[in-house]
Amino acid sequence: MSRFSTLQANSPVTLYHDGHCPFCRVEVAWLAKHRHKERVTLVDIQDENFKAADVGRTFSDMMGLLHVRDSKGSWYIGMDASRALYAVLGYRWLVWLSCLPGLRGIMDAGYRFFARRRVRLGQWWEKRAAK
């Protein structure tokens, strides 16, 4: 896979997100109002009707990293899922920048760091926002 392959994501995409995650909820609310919202289908993996096996994944894998599937069936996982999502929303120049050597590695590492801690960070963020 080329480092710029996320720019080839085909609309519409399906974004599989954790509806219990405060950060995910903020992003989903923004996406629901986006001018190109028709390019994204939102699926909450915490919904009782969602079955990860139906899309060929496991729930634990999907909880660990963001997943996006495009209209041709290509999967994008982790930071590449964010890149694919933003590419179909029209932010291709930002995606291209995030794929440059050096910056790509930093962003990928930052995403993995955040993804592992998102629940704890989300709880802290919600407590802080409540004050």
N, C-alpha and C. Protein backbone atom coordinates (compact mmCIF):
# COMPACT_ATOMS: atom_id res chain seq x y z
N MET A 1 0.84 -1.17 0.00
CA MET A 1 0.00 0.00 0.00
C MET A 1 0.89 1.25 0.00
N SER A 2 0.64 2.16 -0.90
CA SER A 2 1.37 3.41 -1.00
C SER A 2 1.04 4.32 0.17
N ARG A 3 1.99 5.17 0.54
CA ARG A 3 1.71 6.08 1.66
C ARG A 3 0.61 7.08 1.33
N PHE A 4 0.29 7.26 0.05
CA PHE A 4 -0.77 8.17 -0.36
C PHE A 4 -2.07 7.44 -0.73
N SER A 5 -2.16 6.14 -0.43
CA SER A 5 -3.33 5.35 -0.84
C SER A 5 -4.63 5.84 -0.20
N THR A 6 -4.56 6.47 0.94
CA THR A 6 -5.78 6.96 1.58
C THR A 6 -6.45 8.05 0.74
N LEU A 7 -5.69 8.70 -0.12
CA LEU A 7 -6.27 9.71 -1.01
C LEU A 7 -7.16 9.07 -2.06
N GLN A 8 -7.06 7.75 -2.22
CA GLN A 8 -7.87 7.03 -3.22
C GLN A 8 -9.16 6.47 -2.64
N ALA A 9 -9.45 6.75 -1.37
CA ALA A 9 -10.68 6.24 -0.76
C ALA A 9 -11.88 6.72 -1.57
N ASN A 10 -12.81 5.81 -1.80
CA ASN A 10 -13.99 6.11 -2.61
C ASN A 10 -15.21 6.37 -1.74
N SER A 11 -15.88 7.45 -2.05
CA SER A 11 -17.08 7.87 -1.35
C SER A 11 -18.27 7.05 -1.86
N PRO A 12 -19.23 6.73 -1.04
CA PRO A 12 -19.28 7.03 0.39
C PRO A 12 -18.46 6.03 1.20
N VAL A 13 -18.06 6.46 2.38
CA VAL A 13 -17.33 5.59 3.29
C VAL A 13 -18.22 5.31 4.49
N THR A 14 -17.93 4.22 5.17
CA THR A 14 -18.61 3.89 6.42
C THR A 14 -17.60 4.04 7.53
N LEU A 15 -17.94 4.87 8.50
CA LEU A 15 -17.09 5.10 9.66
C LEU A 15 -17.65 4.31 10.82
N TYR A 16 -16.86 3.38 11.34
CA TYR A 16 -17.24 2.58 12.49
C TYR A 16 -16.62 3.24 13.72
N HIS A 17 -17.47 3.72 14.62
CA HIS A 17 -16.98 4.49 15.76
C HIS A 17 -17.54 3.95 17.06
N ASP A 18 -16.90 4.32 18.15
CA ASP A 18 -17.30 3.92 19.49
C ASP A 18 -18.22 5.00 20.05
N GLY A 19 -19.51 4.72 20.10
CA GLY A 19 -20.48 5.69 20.59
C GLY A 19 -20.36 6.01 22.06
N HIS A 20 -19.56 5.26 22.81
CA HIS A 20 -19.35 5.55 24.22
C HIS A 20 -18.16 6.48 24.45
N CYS A 21 -17.37 6.70 23.43
CA CYS A 21 -16.16 7.54 23.54
C CYS A 21 -16.55 9.02 23.39
N PRO A 22 -16.22 9.85 24.38
CA PRO A 22 -16.57 11.27 24.30
C PRO A 22 -15.96 11.97 23.08
N PHE A 23 -14.74 11.63 22.74
CA PHE A 23 -14.09 12.25 21.59
C PHE A 23 -14.76 11.83 20.29
N CYS A 24 -15.14 10.55 20.21
CA CYS A 24 -15.84 10.05 19.02
C CYS A 24 -17.18 10.75 18.87
N ARG A 25 -17.88 10.95 19.98
CA ARG A 25 -19.19 11.61 19.93
C ARG A 25 -19.08 13.03 19.40
N VAL A 26 -18.04 13.74 19.79
CA VAL A 26 -17.82 15.10 19.28
C VAL A 26 -17.57 15.07 17.78
N GLU A 27 -16.72 14.15 17.34
CA GLU A 27 -16.40 14.03 15.92
C GLU A 27 -17.65 13.64 15.11
N VAL A 28 -18.43 12.70 15.63
CA VAL A 28 -19.64 12.25 14.93
C VAL A 28 -20.66 13.40 14.84
N ALA A 29 -20.79 14.19 15.89
CA ALA A 29 -21.70 15.34 15.84
C ALA A 29 -21.26 16.33 14.77
N TRP A 30 -19.96 16.54 14.66
CA TRP A 30 -19.42 17.43 13.62
C TRP A 30 -19.70 16.84 12.23
N LEU A 31 -19.47 15.55 12.08
CA LEU A 31 -19.71 14.89 10.79
C LEU A 31 -21.18 14.95 10.39
N ALA A 32 -22.07 14.83 11.36
CA ALA A 32 -23.52 14.86 11.07
C ALA A 32 -23.96 16.21 10.53
N LYS A 33 -23.19 17.26 10.80
CA LYS A 33 -23.53 18.60 10.32
C LYS A 33 -22.68 19.03 9.11
N HIS A 34 -21.72 18.21 8.74
CA HIS A 34 -20.77 18.57 7.69
C HIS A 34 -21.48 18.76 6.35
N ARG A 35 -20.97 19.66 5.55
CA ARG A 35 -21.62 19.93 4.25
C ARG A 35 -21.56 18.73 3.31
N HIS A 36 -20.64 17.80 3.55
CA HIS A 36 -20.55 16.59 2.72
C HIS A 36 -20.95 15.34 3.53
N LYS A 37 -21.87 15.51 4.47
CA LYS A 37 -22.25 14.39 5.34
C LYS A 37 -22.79 13.19 4.57
N GLU A 38 -23.29 13.41 3.35
CA GLU A 38 -23.81 12.28 2.56
C GLU A 38 -22.69 11.35 2.11
N ARG A 39 -21.47 11.77 2.26
CA ARG A 39 -20.32 10.93 1.87
C ARG A 39 -19.91 9.95 2.97
N VAL A 40 -20.56 10.05 4.12
CA VAL A 40 -20.16 9.23 5.28
C VAL A 40 -21.39 8.59 5.91
N THR A 41 -21.32 7.28 6.10
CA THR A 41 -22.32 6.56 6.88
C THR A 41 -21.69 6.26 8.23
N LEU A 42 -22.41 6.58 9.29
CA LEU A 42 -21.89 6.41 10.64
C LEU A 42 -22.47 5.15 11.27
N VAL A 43 -21.60 4.31 11.81
CA VAL A 43 -22.04 3.08 12.48
C VAL A 43 -21.40 3.05 13.86
N ASP A 44 -22.25 3.00 14.88
CA ASP A 44 -21.79 2.90 16.26
C ASP A 44 -21.55 1.44 16.59
N ILE A 45 -20.32 1.08 16.85
CA ILE A 45 -20.01 -0.32 17.13
C ILE A 45 -20.48 -0.75 18.53
N GLN A 46 -20.89 0.22 19.35
CA GLN A 46 -21.44 -0.10 20.66
C GLN A 46 -22.95 -0.38 20.59
N ASP A 47 -23.56 -0.10 19.45
CA ASP A 47 -25.00 -0.34 19.30
C ASP A 47 -25.27 -1.84 19.46
N GLU A 48 -26.34 -2.17 20.16
CA GLU A 48 -26.65 -3.58 20.43
C GLU A 48 -26.91 -4.39 19.16
N ASN A 49 -27.28 -3.74 18.07
CA ASN A 49 -27.54 -4.44 16.81
C ASN A 49 -26.30 -4.63 15.95
N PHE A 50 -25.20 -4.00 16.32
CA PHE A 50 -23.98 -4.13 15.52
C PHE A 50 -23.26 -5.43 15.86
N LYS A 51 -22.88 -6.14 14.83
CA LYS A 51 -22.11 -7.39 14.97
C LYS A 51 -20.86 -7.26 14.11
N ALA A 52 -19.71 -7.18 14.75
CA ALA A 52 -18.45 -7.01 14.03
C ALA A 52 -18.21 -8.14 13.03
N ALA A 53 -18.61 -9.33 13.38
CA ALA A 53 -18.42 -10.48 12.48
C ALA A 53 -19.15 -10.28 11.15
N ASP A 54 -20.24 -9.52 11.16
CA ASP A 54 -20.98 -9.27 9.92
C ASP A 54 -20.15 -8.48 8.90
N VAL A 55 -19.14 -7.76 9.37
CA VAL A 55 -18.26 -7.01 8.46
C VAL A 55 -16.87 -7.62 8.42
N GLY A 56 -16.74 -8.84 8.94
CA GLY A 56 -15.47 -9.56 8.87
C GLY A 56 -14.42 -9.08 9.85
N ARG A 57 -14.84 -8.51 10.96
CA ARG A 57 -13.91 -7.99 11.97
C ARG A 57 -14.28 -8.56 13.33
N THR A 58 -13.42 -8.28 14.31
CA THR A 58 -13.76 -8.61 15.69
C THR A 58 -14.04 -7.30 16.43
N PHE A 59 -14.90 -7.38 17.43
CA PHE A 59 -15.25 -6.21 18.21
C PHE A 59 -14.01 -5.62 18.89
N SER A 60 -13.16 -6.48 19.44
CA SER A 60 -11.98 -5.97 20.15
C SER A 60 -11.03 -5.24 19.20
N ASP A 61 -10.88 -5.73 17.98
CA ASP A 61 -10.04 -5.01 17.00
C ASP A 61 -10.64 -3.65 16.67
N MET A 62 -11.96 -3.60 16.51
CA MET A 62 -12.61 -2.35 16.15
C MET A 62 -12.61 -1.35 17.30
N MET A 63 -12.60 -1.85 18.53
CA MET A 63 -12.53 -0.96 19.69
C MET A 63 -11.14 -0.35 19.83
N GLY A 64 -10.14 -1.05 19.34
CA GLY A 64 -8.77 -0.59 19.52
C GLY A 64 -8.36 0.52 18.57
N LEU A 65 -8.90 0.51 17.35
CA LEU A 65 -8.52 1.48 16.33
C LEU A 65 -9.73 1.84 15.48
N LEU A 66 -9.75 3.05 15.00
CA LEU A 66 -10.81 3.53 14.12
C LEU A 66 -10.80 2.71 12.82
N HIS A 67 -11.98 2.40 12.31
CA HIS A 67 -12.12 1.65 11.06
C HIS A 67 -13.01 2.41 10.09
N VAL A 68 -12.58 2.47 8.85
CA VAL A 68 -13.36 3.06 7.76
C VAL A 68 -13.32 2.08 6.60
N ARG A 69 -14.48 1.89 5.98
CA ARG A 69 -14.57 1.05 4.78
C ARG A 69 -15.15 1.90 3.67
N ASP A 70 -14.47 1.89 2.52
CA ASP A 70 -14.97 2.73 1.42
C ASP A 70 -15.94 1.95 0.53
N SER A 71 -16.47 2.62 -0.47
CA SER A 71 -17.51 2.03 -1.32
C SER A 71 -17.01 0.86 -2.17
N LYS A 72 -15.71 0.74 -2.32
CA LYS A 72 -15.16 -0.40 -3.07
C LYS A 72 -14.76 -1.55 -2.17
N GLY A 73 -15.00 -1.38 -0.85
CA GLY A 73 -14.70 -2.45 0.10
C GLY A 73 -13.32 -2.38 0.71
N SER A 74 -12.56 -1.35 0.41
CA SER A 74 -11.23 -1.21 1.02
C SER A 74 -11.36 -0.74 2.46
N TRP A 75 -10.56 -1.35 3.33
CA TRP A 75 -10.55 -0.99 4.74
C TRP A 75 -9.37 -0.05 5.02
N TYR A 76 -9.62 0.91 5.87
CA TYR A 76 -8.59 1.83 6.36
C TYR A 76 -8.70 1.80 7.88
N ILE A 77 -7.57 1.60 8.54
CA ILE A 77 -7.57 1.38 9.98
C ILE A 77 -6.59 2.33 10.65
N GLY A 78 -6.98 2.80 11.84
CA GLY A 78 -6.12 3.69 12.61
C GLY A 78 -6.06 5.07 11.98
N MET A 79 -4.87 5.64 11.95
CA MET A 79 -4.70 6.98 11.38
C MET A 79 -5.08 6.99 9.90
N ASP A 80 -4.86 5.87 9.21
CA ASP A 80 -5.29 5.80 7.80
C ASP A 80 -6.80 5.92 7.67
N ALA A 81 -7.55 5.48 8.67
CA ALA A 81 -9.01 5.65 8.65
C ALA A 81 -9.35 7.13 8.70
N SER A 82 -8.67 7.86 9.56
CA SER A 82 -8.89 9.32 9.62
C SER A 82 -8.52 9.97 8.31
N ARG A 83 -7.41 9.55 7.74
CA ARG A 83 -6.97 10.13 6.46
C ARG A 83 -8.00 9.87 5.36
N ALA A 84 -8.48 8.63 5.27
CA ALA A 84 -9.47 8.29 4.23
C ALA A 84 -10.75 9.10 4.44
N LEU A 85 -11.19 9.20 5.68
CA LEU A 85 -12.39 9.97 5.99
C LEU A 85 -12.24 11.42 5.55
N TYR A 86 -11.12 12.04 5.93
CA TYR A 86 -10.91 13.44 5.58
C TYR A 86 -10.70 13.63 4.08
N ALA A 87 -10.16 12.64 3.42
CA ALA A 87 -9.99 12.75 1.96
C ALA A 87 -11.36 12.82 1.27
N VAL A 88 -12.30 11.96 1.68
CA VAL A 88 -13.61 11.97 1.02
C VAL A 88 -14.44 13.19 1.42
N LEU A 89 -14.07 13.82 2.53
CA LEU A 89 -14.78 15.03 2.95
C LEU A 89 -14.24 16.29 2.27
N GLY A 90 -13.17 16.12 1.47
CA GLY A 90 -12.65 17.26 0.72
C GLY A 90 -11.40 17.90 1.29
N TYR A 91 -10.80 17.30 2.30
CA TYR A 91 -9.59 17.85 2.91
C TYR A 91 -8.34 17.12 2.40
N ARG A 92 -8.30 16.91 1.10
CA ARG A 92 -7.23 16.13 0.49
C ARG A 92 -5.85 16.74 0.72
N TRP A 93 -5.75 18.06 0.74
CA TRP A 93 -4.43 18.68 0.93
C TRP A 93 -3.90 18.40 2.35
N LEU A 94 -4.79 18.34 3.33
CA LEU A 94 -4.36 17.99 4.69
C LEU A 94 -3.92 16.53 4.76
N VAL A 95 -4.66 15.67 4.07
CA VAL A 95 -4.31 14.26 4.03
C VAL A 95 -2.95 14.09 3.36
N TRP A 96 -2.76 14.78 2.25
CA TRP A 96 -1.48 14.70 1.53
C TRP A 96 -0.34 15.13 2.45
N LEU A 97 -0.53 16.22 3.17
CA LEU A 97 0.51 16.68 4.11
C LEU A 97 0.79 15.63 5.17
N SER A 98 -0.27 15.01 5.69
CA SER A 98 -0.09 14.03 6.76
C SER A 98 0.60 12.76 6.28
N CYS A 99 0.73 12.59 4.98
CA CYS A 99 1.38 11.40 4.42
C CYS A 99 2.87 11.62 4.12
N LEU A 100 3.35 12.83 4.30
CA LEU A 100 4.75 13.11 4.01
C LEU A 100 5.66 12.38 4.98
N PRO A 101 6.83 11.94 4.50
CA PRO A 101 7.77 11.24 5.38
C PRO A 101 8.07 12.10 6.61
N GLY A 102 8.25 11.45 7.71
CA GLY A 102 8.49 12.15 8.97
C GLY A 102 7.18 12.51 9.63
N LEU A 103 6.39 13.35 8.99
CA LEU A 103 5.11 13.76 9.54
C LEU A 103 4.16 12.56 9.65
N ARG A 104 4.19 11.69 8.66
CA ARG A 104 3.34 10.49 8.68
C ARG A 104 3.65 9.64 9.91
N GLY A 105 4.91 9.39 10.15
CA GLY A 105 5.31 8.56 11.29
C GLY A 105 4.92 9.18 12.62
N ILE A 106 5.10 10.48 12.74
CA ILE A 106 4.73 11.18 13.97
C ILE A 106 3.22 11.12 14.20
N MET A 107 2.46 11.37 13.15
CA MET A 107 1.00 11.33 13.29
C MET A 107 0.49 9.92 13.59
N ASP A 108 1.08 8.92 12.94
CA ASP A 108 0.67 7.54 13.21
C ASP A 108 0.97 7.16 14.66
N ALA A 109 2.15 7.53 15.14
CA ALA A 109 2.52 7.24 16.53
C ALA A 109 1.62 8.00 17.50
N GLY A 110 1.33 9.26 17.19
CA GLY A 110 0.44 10.05 18.04
C GLY A 110 -0.95 9.45 18.10
N TYR A 111 -1.45 8.97 16.97
CA TYR A 111 -2.76 8.34 16.93
C TYR A 111 -2.77 7.08 17.82
N ARG A 112 -1.75 6.23 17.67
CA ARG A 112 -1.70 5.00 18.47
C ARG A 112 -1.64 5.32 19.97
N PHE A 113 -0.86 6.35 20.34
CA PHE A 113 -0.76 6.78 21.73
C PHE A 113 -2.13 7.21 22.24
N PHE A 114 -2.81 8.05 21.47
CA PHE A 114 -4.13 8.54 21.85
C PHE A 114 -5.16 7.41 21.91
N ALA A 115 -5.17 6.54 20.90
CA ALA A 115 -6.17 5.47 20.82
C ALA A 115 -6.10 4.56 22.04
N ARG A 116 -4.89 4.27 22.51
CA ARG A 116 -4.74 3.39 23.69
C ARG A 116 -5.26 4.06 24.96
N ARG A 117 -5.27 5.37 24.99
CA ARG A 117 -5.64 6.11 26.20
C ARG A 117 -6.95 6.88 26.10
N ARG A 118 -7.68 6.70 25.01
CA ARG A 118 -8.84 7.54 24.74
C ARG A 118 -9.94 7.42 25.78
N VAL A 119 -10.15 6.25 26.35
CA VAL A 119 -11.20 6.09 27.35
C VAL A 119 -10.84 6.89 28.61
N ARG A 120 -9.63 6.71 29.08
CA ARG A 120 -9.19 7.44 30.28
C ARG A 120 -9.14 8.93 30.03
N LEU A 121 -8.61 9.33 28.87
CA LEU A 121 -8.58 10.76 28.52
C LEU A 121 -9.99 11.33 28.38
N GLY A 122 -10.89 10.55 27.82
CA GLY A 122 -12.27 10.98 27.66
C GLY A 122 -12.96 11.19 29.00
N GLN A 123 -12.71 10.30 29.95
CA GLN A 123 -13.29 10.45 31.28
C GLN A 123 -12.75 11.72 31.95
N TRP A 124 -11.45 11.94 31.83
CA TRP A 124 -10.84 13.15 32.39
C TRP A 124 -11.43 14.40 31.73
N TRP A 125 -11.58 14.36 30.41
CA TRP A 125 -12.09 15.51 29.67
C TRP A 125 -13.53 15.83 30.08
N GLU A 126 -14.36 14.79 30.22
CA GLU A 126 -15.75 15.01 30.61
C GLU A 126 -15.85 15.58 32.03
N LYS A 127 -15.01 15.11 32.94
CA LYS A 127 -15.02 15.65 34.31
C LYS A 127 -14.61 17.11 34.31
N ARG A 128 -13.60 17.43 33.52
CA ARG A 128 -13.12 18.81 33.42
C ARG A 128 -14.17 19.73 32.82
N ALA A 129 -14.87 19.23 31.80
CA ALA A 129 -15.90 20.03 31.11
C ALA A 129 -17.11 20.25 32.03
N ALA A 130 -17.35 19.31 32.96
CA ALA A 130 -18.50 19.43 33.87
C ALA A 130 -18.28 20.49 34.94
N LYS A 131 -17.03 20.83 35.19
CA LYS A 131 -16.73 21.83 36.25
C LYS A 131 -17.06 23.22 35.84
